[in-house]
Structure formats: C-alpha cells, structure tokens
C-alpha cells in the first residue's frame, strides 16, 4: 500500500505542467532563469521512483533527498521573489519526506508529497513565465 501511494504521487510529479500563467518582470532576472534551468536538470527522483517500485532501499532514498535538499538550498539563495518562496516550500517538502521516511509514517509521506507536487507545479509555472 505504501509503495503504491508513493508510486502514484511520483507519477503525478513526472507529468509536465502544460501552461504558465502571468509573467512577472521582476522575476525575469538572470539568476532566476539560471536557477530554473539548473534545478530542472539537477533534481533527482530516480531512486525515489525505484523505491516505490521496491527496487531501492530507504537509505538510498534518504541519500537522494539529502542531495536534493542541498542543491535546492544553494540555488534558493541565488533566486528572488516568488521563485525563492516556491523553492523554500519545495525544500520543506523534501525535509518532511525525509522525516516521514525515517519515522515510517505513510500519512506524513503522502502530505509531504502533496506539498512537493504543489511546489514543483508552482516552480514550473513561474519558470515557464520568465523563459519567454
């Protein structure tokens, strides 16, 4: 049951958002554009996906989460505006996922994944709006 829930959430994370909303000039900075590109290429979710399929262990997932938190934290410092806020929310979701995995709490994992989906969706919309 736990792995099925995680697999469903991960599949939702992999579905691209189709459109961006309003564009904001203040977000259209070089650092924000670079952070969008960097995060999209460096964020890792392969181990988490393998874990939900039963082919990776908890330690591997926790290692991947720690790497993502470190990468997101560094990039967040270079961003501004709503991207900074959204990346912070994403970091919190990663930290909550880590804590829930350590405590083996399925409900908390689900809540953390919902926050992660929301953060990634917002991040993607903002990035698409400033890439124009």
C-alpha atoms as a PDB file:
ATOM      1  CA  UNK A   1       0.000   0.000   0.000  1.00  0.00           C
ATOM      2  CA  UNK A   2       2.771   2.425   0.956  1.00  0.00           C
ATOM      3  CA  UNK A   3       4.688   1.853  -2.246  1.00  0.00           C
ATOM      4  CA  UNK A   4       1.541   2.146  -4.373  1.00  0.00           C
ATOM      5  CA  UNK A   5       0.764   5.525  -2.800  1.00  0.00           C
ATOM      6  CA  UNK A   6       4.300   6.750  -3.407  1.00  0.00           C
ATOM      7  CA  UNK A   7       4.277   5.449  -6.986  1.00  0.00           C
ATOM      8  CA  UNK A   8       1.057   7.347  -7.692  1.00  0.00           C
ATOM      9  CA  UNK A   9       2.434  10.559  -6.235  1.00  0.00           C
ATOM     10  CA  UNK A  10       5.698  10.201  -8.151  1.00  0.00           C
ATOM     11  CA  UNK A  11       3.878   9.692 -11.424  1.00  0.00           C
ATOM     12  CA  UNK A  12       1.978  12.895 -10.766  1.00  0.00           C
ATOM     13  CA  UNK A  13       5.320  14.659 -10.258  1.00  0.00           C
ATOM     14  CA  UNK A  14       6.559  13.453 -13.619  1.00  0.00           C
ATOM     15  CA  UNK A  15       3.586  14.823 -15.570  1.00  0.00           C
ATOM     16  CA  UNK A  16       4.576  18.206 -17.032  1.00  0.00           C
ATOM     17  CA  UNK A  17       2.523  21.289 -16.399  1.00  0.00           C
ATOM     18  CA  UNK A  18       1.068  22.439 -19.709  1.00  0.00           C
ATOM     19  CA  UNK A  19       0.919  26.203 -19.362  1.00  0.00           C
ATOM     20  CA  UNK A  20       2.228  29.128 -17.400  1.00  0.00           C
ATOM     21  CA  UNK A  21       0.131  31.966 -16.105  1.00  0.00           C
ATOM     22  CA  UNK A  22       1.062  35.628 -15.878  1.00  0.00           C
ATOM     23  CA  UNK A  23       4.599  36.765 -16.472  1.00  0.00           C
ATOM     24  CA  UNK A  24       6.286  38.958 -13.868  1.00  0.00           C
ATOM     25  CA  UNK A  25       9.105  41.245 -14.966  1.00  0.00           C
ATOM     26  CA  UNK A  26      10.683  41.398 -11.507  1.00  0.00           C
ATOM     27  CA  UNK A  27      11.257  37.636 -11.640  1.00  0.00           C
ATOM     28  CA  UNK A  28      12.872  37.871 -15.053  1.00  0.00           C
ATOM     29  CA  UNK A  29      16.434  38.021 -13.773  1.00  0.00           C
ATOM     30  CA  UNK A  30      19.489  36.157 -14.939  1.00  0.00           C
ATOM     31  CA  UNK A  31      19.859  34.329 -11.592  1.00  0.00           C
ATOM     32  CA  UNK A  32      16.229  33.206 -11.623  1.00  0.00           C
ATOM     33  CA  UNK A  33      16.491  31.946 -15.205  1.00  0.00           C
ATOM     34  CA  UNK A  34      19.740  30.127 -14.414  1.00  0.00           C
ATOM     35  CA  UNK A  35      18.252  28.584 -11.272  1.00  0.00           C
ATOM     36  CA  UNK A  36      15.229  27.347 -13.227  1.00  0.00           C
ATOM     37  CA  UNK A  37      17.452  25.595 -15.747  1.00  0.00           C
ATOM     38  CA  UNK A  38      19.827  24.262 -13.099  1.00  0.00           C
ATOM     39  CA  UNK A  39      17.151  22.849 -10.794  1.00  0.00           C
ATOM     40  CA  UNK A  40      15.252  21.240 -13.665  1.00  0.00           C
ATOM     41  CA  UNK A  41      18.386  19.406 -14.797  1.00  0.00           C
ATOM     42  CA  UNK A  42      19.904  18.558 -11.401  1.00  0.00           C
ATOM     43  CA  UNK A  43      16.865  17.498  -9.363  1.00  0.00           C
ATOM     44  CA  UNK A  44      16.949  13.730  -8.813  1.00  0.00           C
ATOM     45  CA  UNK A  45      13.967  11.426  -8.391  1.00  0.00           C
ATOM     46  CA  UNK A  46      15.168   8.133  -9.880  1.00  0.00           C
ATOM     47  CA  UNK A  47      15.902   6.442  -6.549  1.00  0.00           C
ATOM     48  CA  UNK A  48      12.557   7.548  -5.106  1.00  0.00           C
ATOM     49  CA  UNK A  49      10.800   6.087  -8.125  1.00  0.00           C
ATOM     50  CA  UNK A  50      12.809   2.853  -7.784  1.00  0.00           C
ATOM     51  CA  UNK A  51      11.983   2.780  -4.067  1.00  0.00           C
ATOM     52  CA  UNK A  52       8.265   2.970  -4.795  1.00  0.00           C
ATOM     53  CA  UNK A  53       8.720   0.003  -7.149  1.00  0.00           C
ATOM     54  CA  UNK A  54      10.577  -1.923  -4.443  1.00  0.00           C
ATOM     55  CA  UNK A  55      13.999  -1.835  -6.135  1.00  0.00           C
ATOM     56  CA  UNK A  56      15.716   0.698  -3.852  1.00  0.00           C
ATOM     57  CA  UNK A  57      16.079   0.846  -0.083  1.00  0.00           C
ATOM     58  CA  UNK A  58      15.298   3.615   2.408  1.00  0.00           C
ATOM     59  CA  UNK A  59      18.949   4.610   2.819  1.00  0.00           C
ATOM     60  CA  UNK A  60      19.319   5.247  -0.915  1.00  0.00           C
ATOM     61  CA  UNK A  61      16.180   7.380  -0.925  1.00  0.00           C
ATOM     62  CA  UNK A  62      17.356   9.380   2.091  1.00  0.00           C
ATOM     63  CA  UNK A  63      20.699   9.985   0.367  1.00  0.00           C
ATOM     64  CA  UNK A  64      18.926  11.257  -2.757  1.00  0.00           C
ATOM     65  CA  UNK A  65      16.665  13.502  -0.655  1.00  0.00           C
ATOM     66  CA  UNK A  66      19.699  14.961   1.154  1.00  0.00           C
ATOM     67  CA  UNK A  67      21.372  15.712  -2.188  1.00  0.00           C
ATOM     68  CA  UNK A  68      18.212  17.415  -3.432  1.00  0.00           C
ATOM     69  CA  UNK A  69      17.876  19.487  -0.261  1.00  0.00           C
ATOM     70  CA  UNK A  70      21.496  20.616  -0.551  1.00  0.00           C
ATOM     71  CA  UNK A  71      21.134  21.535  -4.233  1.00  0.00           C
ATOM     72  CA  UNK A  72      17.809  23.344  -3.716  1.00  0.00           C
ATOM     73  CA  UNK A  73      19.183  25.265  -0.711  1.00  0.00           C
ATOM     74  CA  UNK A  74      22.184  26.536  -2.668  1.00  0.00           C
ATOM     75  CA  UNK A  75      20.022  27.578  -5.641  1.00  0.00           C
ATOM     76  CA  UNK A  76      17.384  29.204  -3.421  1.00  0.00           C
ATOM     77  CA  UNK A  77      19.964  31.678  -2.141  1.00  0.00           C
ATOM     78  CA  UNK A  78      20.536  32.841  -5.717  1.00  0.00           C
ATOM     79  CA  UNK A  79      16.867  33.434  -6.523  1.00  0.00           C
ATOM     80  CA  UNK A  80      14.410  36.172  -5.687  1.00  0.00           C
ATOM     81  CA  UNK A  81      10.691  36.776  -5.414  1.00  0.00           C
ATOM     82  CA  UNK A  82       8.150  34.012  -5.725  1.00  0.00           C
ATOM     83  CA  UNK A  83      10.737  31.576  -7.089  1.00  0.00           C
ATOM     84  CA  UNK A  84      12.648  31.879  -3.815  1.00  0.00           C
ATOM     85  CA  UNK A  85       9.451  31.246  -1.847  1.00  0.00           C
ATOM     86  CA  UNK A  86       8.471  28.284  -4.008  1.00  0.00           C
ATOM     87  CA  UNK A  87      11.908  26.681  -3.748  1.00  0.00           C
ATOM     88  CA  UNK A  88      11.745  27.129   0.046  1.00  0.00           C
ATOM     89  CA  UNK A  89       8.401  25.307   0.051  1.00  0.00           C
ATOM     90  CA  UNK A  90       9.992  22.557  -2.061  1.00  0.00           C
ATOM     91  CA  UNK A  91      12.851  22.250   0.449  1.00  0.00           C
ATOM     92  CA  UNK A  92      10.346  21.938   3.288  1.00  0.00           C
ATOM     93  CA  UNK A  93       8.541  19.196   1.343  1.00  0.00           C
ATOM     94  CA  UNK A  94      11.833  17.325   0.892  1.00  0.00           C
ATOM     95  CA  UNK A  95      12.630  17.685   4.604  1.00  0.00           C
ATOM     96  CA  UNK A  96       9.145  16.475   5.529  1.00  0.00           C
ATOM     97  CA  UNK A  97       9.533  13.498   3.198  1.00  0.00           C
ATOM     98  CA  UNK A  98      12.846  12.630   4.843  1.00  0.00           C
ATOM     99  CA  UNK A  99      11.351  12.867   8.323  1.00  0.00           C
ATOM    100  CA  UNK A 100       8.306  10.781   7.339  1.00  0.00           C
ATOM    101  CA  UNK A 101      10.513   8.089   5.793  1.00  0.00           C
ATOM    102  CA  UNK A 102      12.666   7.942   8.890  1.00  0.00           C
ATOM    103  CA  UNK A 103       9.539   7.589  11.031  1.00  0.00           C
ATOM    104  CA  UNK A 104       7.915   5.214   8.506  1.00  0.00           C
ATOM    105  CA  UNK A 105       4.731   7.304   8.574  1.00  0.00           C
ATOM    106  CA  UNK A 106       2.737   6.780   5.373  1.00  0.00           C
ATOM    107  CA  UNK A 107       0.275   9.605   6.030  1.00  0.00           C
ATOM    108  CA  UNK A 108       3.093  12.086   6.521  1.00  0.00           C
ATOM    109  CA  UNK A 109       4.801  10.834   3.348  1.00  0.00           C
ATOM    110  CA  UNK A 110       1.584  11.484   1.448  1.00  0.00           C
ATOM    111  CA  UNK A 111       1.268  15.002   2.882  1.00  0.00           C
ATOM    112  CA  UNK A 112       4.908  15.745   2.054  1.00  0.00           C
ATOM    113  CA  UNK A 113       4.405  14.501  -1.498  1.00  0.00           C
ATOM    114  CA  UNK A 114       1.335  16.698  -1.923  1.00  0.00           C
ATOM    115  CA  UNK A 115       3.384  19.734  -0.847  1.00  0.00           C
ATOM    116  CA  UNK A 116       6.176  18.651  -3.200  1.00  0.00           C
ATOM    117  CA  UNK A 117       3.751  18.365  -6.139  1.00  0.00           C
ATOM    118  CA  UNK A 118       2.317  21.782  -5.372  1.00  0.00           C
ATOM    119  CA  UNK A 119       5.784  23.346  -5.080  1.00  0.00           C
ATOM    120  CA  UNK A 120       7.091  21.761  -8.261  1.00  0.00           C
ATOM    121  CA  UNK A 121       3.970  22.816 -10.182  1.00  0.00           C
ATOM    122  CA  UNK A 122       4.304  26.430  -8.996  1.00  0.00           C
ATOM    123  CA  UNK A 123       8.031  26.408  -9.729  1.00  0.00           C
ATOM    124  CA  UNK A 124       7.432  25.112 -13.252  1.00  0.00           C
ATOM    125  CA  UNK A 125       4.757  27.752 -13.965  1.00  0.00           C
ATOM    126  CA  UNK A 126       6.998  30.555 -12.758  1.00  0.00           C
ATOM    127  CA  UNK A 127       9.979  29.288 -14.724  1.00  0.00           C
ATOM    128  CA  UNK A 128       7.927  28.978 -17.899  1.00  0.00           C
ATOM    129  CA  UNK A 129       6.643  32.528 -17.477  1.00  0.00           C
ATOM    130  CA  UNK A 130      10.138  34.030 -17.202  1.00  0.00           C
ATOM    131  CA  UNK A 131      11.686  31.985 -20.018  1.00  0.00           C
ATOM    132  CA  UNK A 132       9.650  33.891 -22.608  1.00  0.00           C
END
